[in-house]
C-alpha atoms as a PDB file:
ATOM      1  CA  MET A   1      22.236 -19.945  -8.279  1.00  0.00           C
ATOM      2  CA  SER A   2      22.947 -22.361 -11.082  1.00  0.00           C
ATOM      3  CA  ASP A   3      26.420 -23.294 -12.303  1.00  0.00           C
ATOM      4  CA  ARG A   4      25.961 -20.851 -15.178  1.00  0.00           C
ATOM      5  CA  HIS A   5      26.038 -17.871 -12.814  1.00  0.00           C
ATOM      6  CA  PRO A   6      29.071 -16.794 -10.797  1.00  0.00           C
ATOM      7  CA  PRO A   7      28.491 -16.070  -7.112  1.00  0.00           C
ATOM      8  CA  VAL A   8      27.347 -12.592  -6.111  1.00  0.00           C
ATOM      9  CA  ARG A   9      30.428 -10.616  -5.050  1.00  0.00           C
ATOM     10  CA  ILE A  10      29.790  -8.663  -1.843  1.00  0.00           C
ATOM     11  CA  VAL A  11      31.631  -6.025   0.171  1.00  0.00           C
ATOM     12  CA  ILE A  12      30.585  -5.501   3.794  1.00  0.00           C
ATOM     13  CA  ALA A  13      30.958  -1.995   5.243  1.00  0.00           C
ATOM     14  CA  ASP A  14      30.314  -1.674   8.983  1.00  0.00           C
ATOM     15  CA  ASP A  15      32.368  -0.068  11.745  1.00  0.00           C
ATOM     16  CA  HIS A  16      31.819  -3.015  14.110  1.00  0.00           C
ATOM     17  CA  ALA A  17      34.181  -5.947  13.504  1.00  0.00           C
ATOM     18  CA  LEU A  18      31.768  -8.413  15.120  1.00  0.00           C
ATOM     19  CA  VAL A  19      29.008  -7.374  12.718  1.00  0.00           C
ATOM     20  CA  ARG A  20      31.291  -7.725   9.703  1.00  0.00           C
ATOM     21  CA  ASP A  21      32.480 -11.137  10.865  1.00  0.00           C
ATOM     22  CA  GLY A  22      28.933 -12.315  11.546  1.00  0.00           C
ATOM     23  CA  LEU A  23      27.651 -11.146   8.180  1.00  0.00           C
ATOM     24  CA  ARG A  24      30.574 -12.761   6.376  1.00  0.00           C
ATOM     25  CA  LYS A  25      29.951 -16.118   8.041  1.00  0.00           C
ATOM     26  CA  LEU A  26      26.221 -15.976   7.305  1.00  0.00           C
ATOM     27  CA  LEU A  27      26.693 -14.985   3.683  1.00  0.00           C
ATOM     28  CA  GLU A  28      29.362 -17.561   2.957  1.00  0.00           C
ATOM     29  CA  LEU A  29      27.071 -20.346   4.139  1.00  0.00           C
ATOM     30  CA  GLN A  30      25.210 -19.615   0.893  1.00  0.00           C
ATOM     31  CA  PRO A  31      27.070 -20.901  -2.186  1.00  0.00           C
ATOM     32  CA  GLU A  32      25.561 -18.107  -4.282  1.00  0.00           C
ATOM     33  CA  PHE A  33      27.401 -15.382  -2.308  1.00  0.00           C
ATOM     34  CA  VAL A  34      31.078 -14.583  -1.799  1.00  0.00           C
ATOM     35  CA  VAL A  35      32.473 -11.783   0.383  1.00  0.00           C
ATOM     36  CA  VAL A  36      35.342 -10.098  -1.462  1.00  0.00           C
ATOM     37  CA  GLY A  37      36.076  -7.234   0.916  1.00  0.00           C
ATOM     38  CA  GLU A  38      35.318  -5.448   4.177  1.00  0.00           C
ATOM     39  CA  ALA A  39      35.414  -1.797   5.216  1.00  0.00           C
ATOM     40  CA  ALA A  40      35.373  -0.284   8.699  1.00  0.00           C
ATOM     41  CA  ASP A  41      34.420   3.280   7.733  1.00  0.00           C
ATOM     42  CA  GLY A  42      32.728   5.225   4.963  1.00  0.00           C
ATOM     43  CA  LEU A  43      35.867   6.351   3.162  1.00  0.00           C
ATOM     44  CA  ASP A  44      37.170   2.798   3.034  1.00  0.00           C
ATOM     45  CA  ALA A  45      33.775   1.627   1.757  1.00  0.00           C
ATOM     46  CA  VAL A  46      34.085   3.999  -1.203  1.00  0.00           C
ATOM     47  CA  ARG A  47      37.657   2.830  -1.868  1.00  0.00           C
ATOM     48  CA  GLN A  48      36.664  -0.845  -1.690  1.00  0.00           C
ATOM     49  CA  ALA A  49      33.679  -0.355  -3.972  1.00  0.00           C
ATOM     50  CA  LYS A  50      35.774   1.560  -6.494  1.00  0.00           C
ATOM     51  CA  ALA A  51      38.678  -0.921  -6.454  1.00  0.00           C
ATOM     52  CA  LEU A  52      36.817  -4.237  -6.162  1.00  0.00           C
ATOM     53  CA  LYS A  53      33.664  -3.339  -8.103  1.00  0.00           C
ATOM     54  CA  PRO A  54      31.488  -5.794  -6.171  1.00  0.00           C
ATOM     55  CA  ASP A  55      27.996  -6.683  -7.277  1.00  0.00           C
ATOM     56  CA  VAL A  56      26.575  -5.628  -3.905  1.00  0.00           C
ATOM     57  CA  LEU A  57      27.760  -3.332  -1.118  1.00  0.00           C
ATOM     58  CA  LEU A  58      26.189  -3.965   2.301  1.00  0.00           C
ATOM     59  CA  LEU A  59      26.496  -0.568   3.955  1.00  0.00           C
ATOM     60  CA  ASP A  60      25.822   0.567   7.505  1.00  0.00           C
ATOM     61  CA  LEU A  61      24.064   3.924   7.741  1.00  0.00           C
ATOM     62  CA  ALA A  62      26.034   5.164  10.787  1.00  0.00           C
ATOM     63  CA  MET A  63      29.721   5.036   9.840  1.00  0.00           C
ATOM     64  CA  PRO A  64      32.775   7.074  10.889  1.00  0.00           C
ATOM     65  CA  ARG A  65      34.531   9.511   8.516  1.00  0.00           C
ATOM     66  CA  MET A  66      31.657   9.282   6.001  1.00  0.00           C
ATOM     67  CA  ASN A  67      28.118   8.132   6.797  1.00  0.00           C
ATOM     68  CA  GLY A  68      26.051   5.846   4.627  1.00  0.00           C
ATOM     69  CA  LEU A  69      24.194   8.608   2.788  1.00  0.00           C
ATOM     70  CA  GLU A  70      27.475  10.373   2.028  1.00  0.00           C
ATOM     71  CA  VAL A  71      28.902   7.097   0.733  1.00  0.00           C
ATOM     72  CA  LEU A  72      25.907   6.687  -1.582  1.00  0.00           C
ATOM     73  CA  GLN A  73      26.394  10.188  -2.926  1.00  0.00           C
ATOM     74  CA  GLU A  74      30.079   9.534  -3.575  1.00  0.00           C
ATOM     75  CA  LEU A  75      29.478   6.147  -5.199  1.00  0.00           C
ATOM     76  CA  ALA A  76      27.062   7.668  -7.703  1.00  0.00           C
ATOM     77  CA  GLY A  77      30.068   9.301  -9.329  1.00  0.00           C
ATOM     78  CA  VAL A  78      32.752   6.618  -9.001  1.00  0.00           C
ATOM     79  CA  ALA A  79      30.983   3.240  -8.898  1.00  0.00           C
ATOM     80  CA  PRO A  80      27.362   3.614 -10.050  1.00  0.00           C
ATOM     81  CA  GLU A  81      27.173  -0.039 -11.090  1.00  0.00           C
ATOM     82  CA  VAL A  82      27.497  -1.248  -7.477  1.00  0.00           C
ATOM     83  CA  LYS A  83      24.122  -2.160  -5.973  1.00  0.00           C
ATOM     84  CA  THR A  84      24.073  -0.799  -2.433  1.00  0.00           C
ATOM     85  CA  VAL A  85      21.920  -2.219   0.363  1.00  0.00           C
ATOM     86  CA  LEU A  86      21.750  -0.307   3.646  1.00  0.00           C
ATOM     87  CA  VAL A  87      21.992  -2.710   6.593  1.00  0.00           C
ATOM     88  CA  THR A  88      21.230  -0.561   9.601  1.00  0.00           C
ATOM     89  CA  ALA A  89      19.977  -0.687  13.184  1.00  0.00           C
ATOM     90  CA  SER A  90      17.368   1.992  12.470  1.00  0.00           C
ATOM     91  CA  ILE A  91      16.399   4.417   9.748  1.00  0.00           C
ATOM     92  CA  GLU A  92      13.920   7.265   9.497  1.00  0.00           C
ATOM     93  CA  ARG A  93      11.487   7.517   6.596  1.00  0.00           C
ATOM     94  CA  GLU A  94      13.217  10.698   5.425  1.00  0.00           C
ATOM     95  CA  GLU A  95      16.509   8.790   5.320  1.00  0.00           C
ATOM     96  CA  THR A  96      14.899   5.916   3.399  1.00  0.00           C
ATOM     97  CA  VAL A  97      13.571   8.246   0.721  1.00  0.00           C
ATOM     98  CA  ARG A  98      16.904  10.068   0.594  1.00  0.00           C
ATOM     99  CA  ALA A  99      18.845   6.801   0.335  1.00  0.00           C
ATOM    100  CA  ILE A 100      16.736   5.524  -2.561  1.00  0.00           C
ATOM    101  CA  THR A 101      17.081   8.897  -4.284  1.00  0.00           C
ATOM    102  CA  LEU A 102      20.869   8.680  -3.919  1.00  0.00           C
ATOM    103  CA  GLY A 103      20.956   5.214  -5.474  1.00  0.00           C
ATOM    104  CA  ALA A 104      20.402   2.645  -2.724  1.00  0.00           C
ATOM    105  CA  ARG A 105      18.695  -0.485  -3.982  1.00  0.00           C
ATOM    106  CA  GLY A 106      17.584  -1.852  -0.632  1.00  0.00           C
ATOM    107  CA  VAL A 107      17.194  -1.245   3.087  1.00  0.00           C
ATOM    108  CA  VAL A 108      17.332  -4.056   5.663  1.00  0.00           C
ATOM    109  CA  LEU A 109      17.244  -3.653   9.440  1.00  0.00           C
ATOM    110  CA  LYS A 110      19.903  -5.476  11.454  1.00  0.00           C
ATOM    111  CA  GLU A 111      17.194  -7.063  13.578  1.00  0.00           C
ATOM    112  CA  SER A 112      15.877  -8.893  10.494  1.00  0.00           C
ATOM    113  CA  ALA A 113      16.272 -12.623   9.972  1.00  0.00           C
ATOM    114  CA  ALA A 114      19.214 -13.680   7.827  1.00  0.00           C
ATOM    115  CA  GLN A 115      16.868 -15.079   5.188  1.00  0.00           C
ATOM    116  CA  LEU A 116      15.410 -11.612   4.694  1.00  0.00           C
ATOM    117  CA  LEU A 117      18.856 -10.224   3.891  1.00  0.00           C
ATOM    118  CA  PHE A 118      19.470 -13.076   1.456  1.00  0.00           C
ATOM    119  CA  SER A 119      16.142 -12.382  -0.236  1.00  0.00           C
ATOM    120  CA  CYS A 120      17.001  -8.691  -0.446  1.00  0.00           C
ATOM    121  CA  ILE A 121      20.328  -9.413  -2.169  1.00  0.00           C
ATOM    122  CA  ARG A 122      18.633 -11.730  -4.654  1.00  0.00           C
ATOM    123  CA  ALA A 123      15.974  -9.103  -5.328  1.00  0.00           C
ATOM    124  CA  VAL A 124      18.385  -6.268  -6.038  1.00  0.00           C
ATOM    125  CA  MET A 125      20.441  -8.561  -8.264  1.00  0.00           C
ATOM    126  CA  ASN A 126      17.220  -9.130 -10.224  1.00  0.00           C
ATOM    127  CA  GLY A 127      16.771  -5.396 -10.734  1.00  0.00           C
ATOM    128  CA  GLU A 128      14.319  -4.840  -7.896  1.00  0.00           C
ATOM    129  CA  PHE A 129      14.196  -2.425  -4.981  1.00  0.00           C
ATOM    130  CA  TRP A 130      13.726  -3.821  -1.499  1.00  0.00           C
ATOM    131  CA  VAL A 131      12.712  -1.723   1.507  1.00  0.00           C
ATOM    132  CA  GLY A 132      12.566  -4.108   4.463  1.00  0.00           C
ATOM    133  CA  HIS A 133       8.979  -4.624   5.648  1.00  0.00           C
ATOM    134  CA  GLN A 134       8.001  -1.068   4.747  1.00  0.00           C
ATOM    135  CA  GLY A 135       5.339  -1.257   2.058  1.00  0.00           C
ATOM    136  CA  VAL A 136       4.911   1.053  -0.874  1.00  0.00           C
ATOM    137  CA  GLY A 137       1.983   2.702   0.853  1.00  0.00           C
ATOM    138  CA  ASP A 138       4.186   3.833   3.738  1.00  0.00           C
ATOM    139  CA  LEU A 139       6.614   5.533   1.370  1.00  0.00           C
ATOM    140  CA  VAL A 140       3.716   7.021  -0.528  1.00  0.00           C
ATOM    141  CA  GLN A 141       2.209   8.430   2.666  1.00  0.00           C
ATOM    142  CA  HIS A 142       5.532   9.961   3.623  1.00  0.00           C
ATOM    143  CA  VAL A 143       5.975  11.603   0.230  1.00  0.00           C
ATOM    144  CA  ARG A 144       2.395  12.850   0.412  1.00  0.00           C
ATOM    145  CA  ARG A 145       3.268  14.603   3.681  1.00  0.00           C
ATOM    146  CA  GLY A 146       5.949  16.642   1.989  1.00  0.00           C
ATOM    147  CA  ALA A 147       9.056  14.599   1.206  1.00  0.00           C
ATOM    148  CA  GLY A 148      10.513  14.844  -2.268  1.00  0.00           C
ATOM    149  CA  VAL A 149       9.308  17.037  -5.102  1.00  0.00           C
ATOM    150  CA  PRO A 150       6.190  19.166  -4.503  1.00  0.00           C
ATOM    151  CA  ALA A 151       3.120  18.150  -6.442  1.00  0.00           C
ATOM    152  CA  ASP A 152       2.659  19.762  -9.841  1.00  0.00           C
ATOM    153  CA  GLU A 153       0.025  19.389 -12.489  1.00  0.00           C
ATOM    154  CA  PRO A 154       0.425  15.959 -14.157  1.00  0.00           C
ATOM    155  CA  ARG A 155       1.803  17.176 -17.468  1.00  0.00           C
ATOM    156  CA  PRO A 156       2.910  13.990 -19.286  1.00  0.00           C
ATOM    157  CA  ALA A 157       0.432  11.976 -17.229  1.00  0.00           C
ATOM    158  CA  SER A 158      -2.427  13.398 -19.271  1.00  0.00           C
ATOM    159  CA  ARG A 159      -1.181  11.153 -22.084  1.00  0.00           C
ATOM    160  CA  LEU A 160      -1.820   7.962 -20.104  1.00  0.00           C
ATOM    161  CA  THR A 161      -4.669   5.745 -21.214  1.00  0.00           C
ATOM    162  CA  PRO A 162      -7.358   4.683 -18.703  1.00  0.00           C
ATOM    163  CA  ARG A 163      -5.780   1.210 -18.506  1.00  0.00           C
ATOM    164  CA  GLU A 164      -2.336   2.705 -17.891  1.00  0.00           C
ATOM    165  CA  LEU A 165      -3.768   4.809 -15.068  1.00  0.00           C
ATOM    166  CA  GLN A 166      -5.217   1.638 -13.545  1.00  0.00           C
ATOM    167  CA  VAL A 167      -1.809  -0.042 -13.793  1.00  0.00           C
ATOM    168  CA  VAL A 168      -0.256   2.963 -12.026  1.00  0.00           C
ATOM    169  CA  GLY A 169      -2.753   2.542  -9.192  1.00  0.00           C
ATOM    170  CA  ALA A 170      -1.865  -1.132  -8.877  1.00  0.00           C
ATOM    171  CA  ILE A 171       1.865  -0.361  -8.814  1.00  0.00           C
ATOM    172  CA  VAL A 172       1.352   2.132  -5.988  1.00  0.00           C
ATOM    173  CA  GLU A 173      -0.296  -0.673  -4.016  1.00  0.00           C
ATOM    174  CA  GLY A 174       2.824  -2.808  -4.512  1.00  0.00           C
ATOM    175  CA  SER A 175       1.231  -5.356  -6.872  1.00  0.00           C
ATOM    176  CA  SER A 176       3.450  -7.620  -8.949  1.00  0.00           C
ATOM    177  CA  ASN A 177       3.079  -8.015 -12.715  1.00  0.00           C
ATOM    178  CA  LYS A 178       1.398 -11.370 -12.079  1.00  0.00           C
ATOM    179  CA  ASP A 179      -1.099  -9.750  -9.671  1.00  0.00           C
ATOM    180  CA  ILE A 180      -1.923  -7.010 -12.170  1.00  0.00           C
ATOM    181  CA  GLY A 181      -2.307  -9.473 -15.018  1.00  0.00           C
ATOM    182  CA  ARG A 182      -4.648 -11.629 -12.952  1.00  0.00           C
ATOM    183  CA  THR A 183      -6.731  -8.612 -11.949  1.00  0.00           C
ATOM    184  CA  PHE A 184      -7.219  -7.351 -15.488  1.00  0.00           C
ATOM    185  CA  GLY A 185      -7.233 -10.714 -17.263  1.00  0.00           C
ATOM    186  CA  VAL A 186      -4.120 -10.059 -19.341  1.00  0.00           C
ATOM    187  CA  THR A 187      -0.712 -11.707 -19.652  1.00  0.00           C
ATOM    188  CA  GLU A 188       2.375 -10.595 -17.740  1.00  0.00           C
ATOM    189  CA  GLN A 189       3.886  -9.557 -21.063  1.00  0.00           C
ATOM    190  CA  THR A 190       0.958  -7.222 -21.654  1.00  0.00           C
ATOM    191  CA  VAL A 191       1.537  -5.711 -18.211  1.00  0.00           C
ATOM    192  CA  LYS A 192       5.213  -5.240 -19.065  1.00  0.00           C
ATOM    193  CA  ASN A 193       4.189  -3.523 -22.301  1.00  0.00           C
ATOM    194  CA  HIS A 194       1.927  -1.166 -20.344  1.00  0.00           C
ATOM    195  CA  LEU A 195       4.765  -0.398 -17.926  1.00  0.00           C
ATOM    196  CA  SER A 196       7.211   0.338 -20.751  1.00  0.00           C
ATOM    197  CA  SER A 197       4.708   2.765 -22.242  1.00  0.00           C
ATOM    198  CA  ILE A 198       4.060   4.401 -18.856  1.00  0.00           C
ATOM    199  CA  PHE A 199       7.784   4.763 -18.130  1.00  0.00           C
ATOM    200  CA  ASP A 200       8.340   6.396 -21.526  1.00  0.00           C
ATOM    201  CA  LYS A 201       5.438   8.814 -21.135  1.00  0.00           C
ATOM    202  CA  LEU A 202       6.305   9.869 -17.586  1.00  0.00           C
ATOM    203  CA  GLY A 203      10.084   9.861 -17.910  1.00  0.00           C
ATOM    204  CA  VAL A 204      10.648   7.390 -15.049  1.00  0.00           C
ATOM    205  CA  SER A 205      12.842   4.318 -15.157  1.00  0.00           C
ATOM    206  CA  ASN A 206      11.491   1.922 -12.528  1.00  0.00           C
ATOM    207  CA  ARG A 207       8.490   1.051 -10.373  1.00  0.00           C
ATOM    208  CA  LEU A 208       9.609   3.000  -7.320  1.00  0.00           C
ATOM    209  CA  GLU A 209      10.053   6.203  -9.329  1.00  0.00           C
ATOM    210  CA  LEU A 210       6.628   5.576 -10.829  1.00  0.00           C
ATOM    211  CA  ALA A 211       5.026   5.175  -7.378  1.00  0.00           C
ATOM    212  CA  LEU A 212       6.616   8.394  -6.132  1.00  0.00           C
ATOM    213  CA  TYR A 213       5.676  10.237  -9.329  1.00  0.00           C
ATOM    214  CA  ALA A 214       2.074   9.093  -8.915  1.00  0.00           C
ATOM    215  CA  VAL A 215       1.933  10.740  -5.496  1.00  0.00           C
ATOM    216  CA  HIS A 216       3.776  13.885  -6.553  1.00  0.00           C
ATOM    217  CA  HIS A 217       1.359  14.418  -9.448  1.00  0.00           C
ATOM    218  CA  ARG A 218      -1.809  13.190  -7.737  1.00  0.00           C
ATOM    219  CA  LEU A 219      -2.482  10.237 -10.033  1.00  0.00           C
ATOM    220  CA  LEU A 220      -3.748   7.943  -7.274  1.00  0.00           C
ATOM    221  CA  ALA A 221      -7.455   8.744  -7.667  1.00  0.00           C
ATOM    222  CA  ALA A 222      -7.291   7.739 -11.311  1.00  0.00           C
ATOM    223  CA  GLY A 223      -6.099   4.275 -10.334  1.00  0.00           C
ATOM    224  CA  THR A 224      -8.744   3.602  -7.683  1.00  0.00           C
ATOM    225  CA  ALA A 225     -10.516   0.936  -9.717  1.00  0.00           C
ATOM    226  CA  ALA A 226      -7.299  -0.985 -10.207  1.00  0.00           C
ATOM    227  CA  ARG A 227      -6.364  -0.791  -6.551  1.00  0.00           C
ATOM    228  CA  ALA A 228      -9.797  -2.031  -5.524  1.00  0.00           C
ATOM    229  CA  GLY A 229      -9.405  -5.007  -7.817  1.00  0.00           C
ATOM    230  CA  VAL A 230      -5.889  -5.849  -6.716  1.00  0.00           C
ATOM    231  CA  ALA A 231      -6.964  -5.682  -3.057  1.00  0.00           C
ATOM    232  CA  GLY A 232      -8.491  -9.104  -3.511  1.00  0.00           C
ATOM    233  CA  ARG A 233      -5.199 -10.797  -4.483  1.00  0.00           C
ATOM    234  CA  THR A 234      -3.781 -13.863  -2.807  1.00  0.00           C
ATOM    235  CA  PRO A 235      -3.972 -13.717   1.019  1.00  0.00           C
ATOM    236  CA  GLY A 236      -0.665 -12.756   2.606  1.00  0.00           C
ATOM    237  CA  SER A 237       0.692 -10.965  -0.444  1.00  0.00           C
ATOM    238  CA  SER A 238       0.165  -7.554   1.172  1.00  0.00           C
ATOM    239  CA  ASP A 239       2.519  -8.589   3.978  1.00  0.00           C
ATOM    240  CA  ALA A 240       5.448  -9.171   1.633  1.00  0.00           C
ATOM    241  CA  PRO A 241       8.419  -6.783   1.754  1.00  0.00           C
ATOM    242  CA  ALA A 242       8.258  -3.959  -0.755  1.00  0.00           C
ATOM    243  CA  LYS A 243       9.891  -4.931  -4.039  1.00  0.00           C
ATOM    244  CA  TYR A 244       9.984  -2.941  -7.250  1.00  0.00           C
ATOM    245  CA  ARG A 245      11.100  -4.574 -10.466  1.00  0.00           C
ATOM    246  CA  LYS A 246      12.313  -2.439 -13.325  1.00  0.00           C
END
């Protein structure tokens, strides 16, 4: 980070002291991060988040007294501005969807390289969602199998233009604004304008909600042309962790 930006204030919540100590040492090697608190259980994590108001809470999923999902639910009412990243040994797809629904901004496995955690923190500070190495398609497939809201007829979606439907298809594939702009020969600002219009029409507020909505309301077929075009983007881009910018 530049001198114009204060360091990202972080609270670490994990019931293992060695994990907390290791994370603190790793994070504080980066001048852009500062650890302002630690919690050894879920109740203390809520107290720390409420009292310290950190930028980011790194939260273990399996915690005594209050587990990670319960902490997320509690924080929604007392500290909604805190960006929570689950740092966990393992997580089921149902738990991932539930965590994002409850307000989590990211999910990182403990087996991941430190640089991945750093990238996740930077992403959520930039307004993105980060779900480890699990791509949008994986979440989409899980929702299609029954997680979340059952599919209804696409009521507001009928107001989308053909181009907006193509953009929706590209978002479901995890394409960035730059990818979409390159595919359709438009500027990133034009893509942002399309997204603003889509968000307004569908009543969603970010890319992840849009991707889930698209599955719930069966919009994917309408975006097939866009997805086919985006499939030819820069090699390696499909291997990137899932990120969703507002």
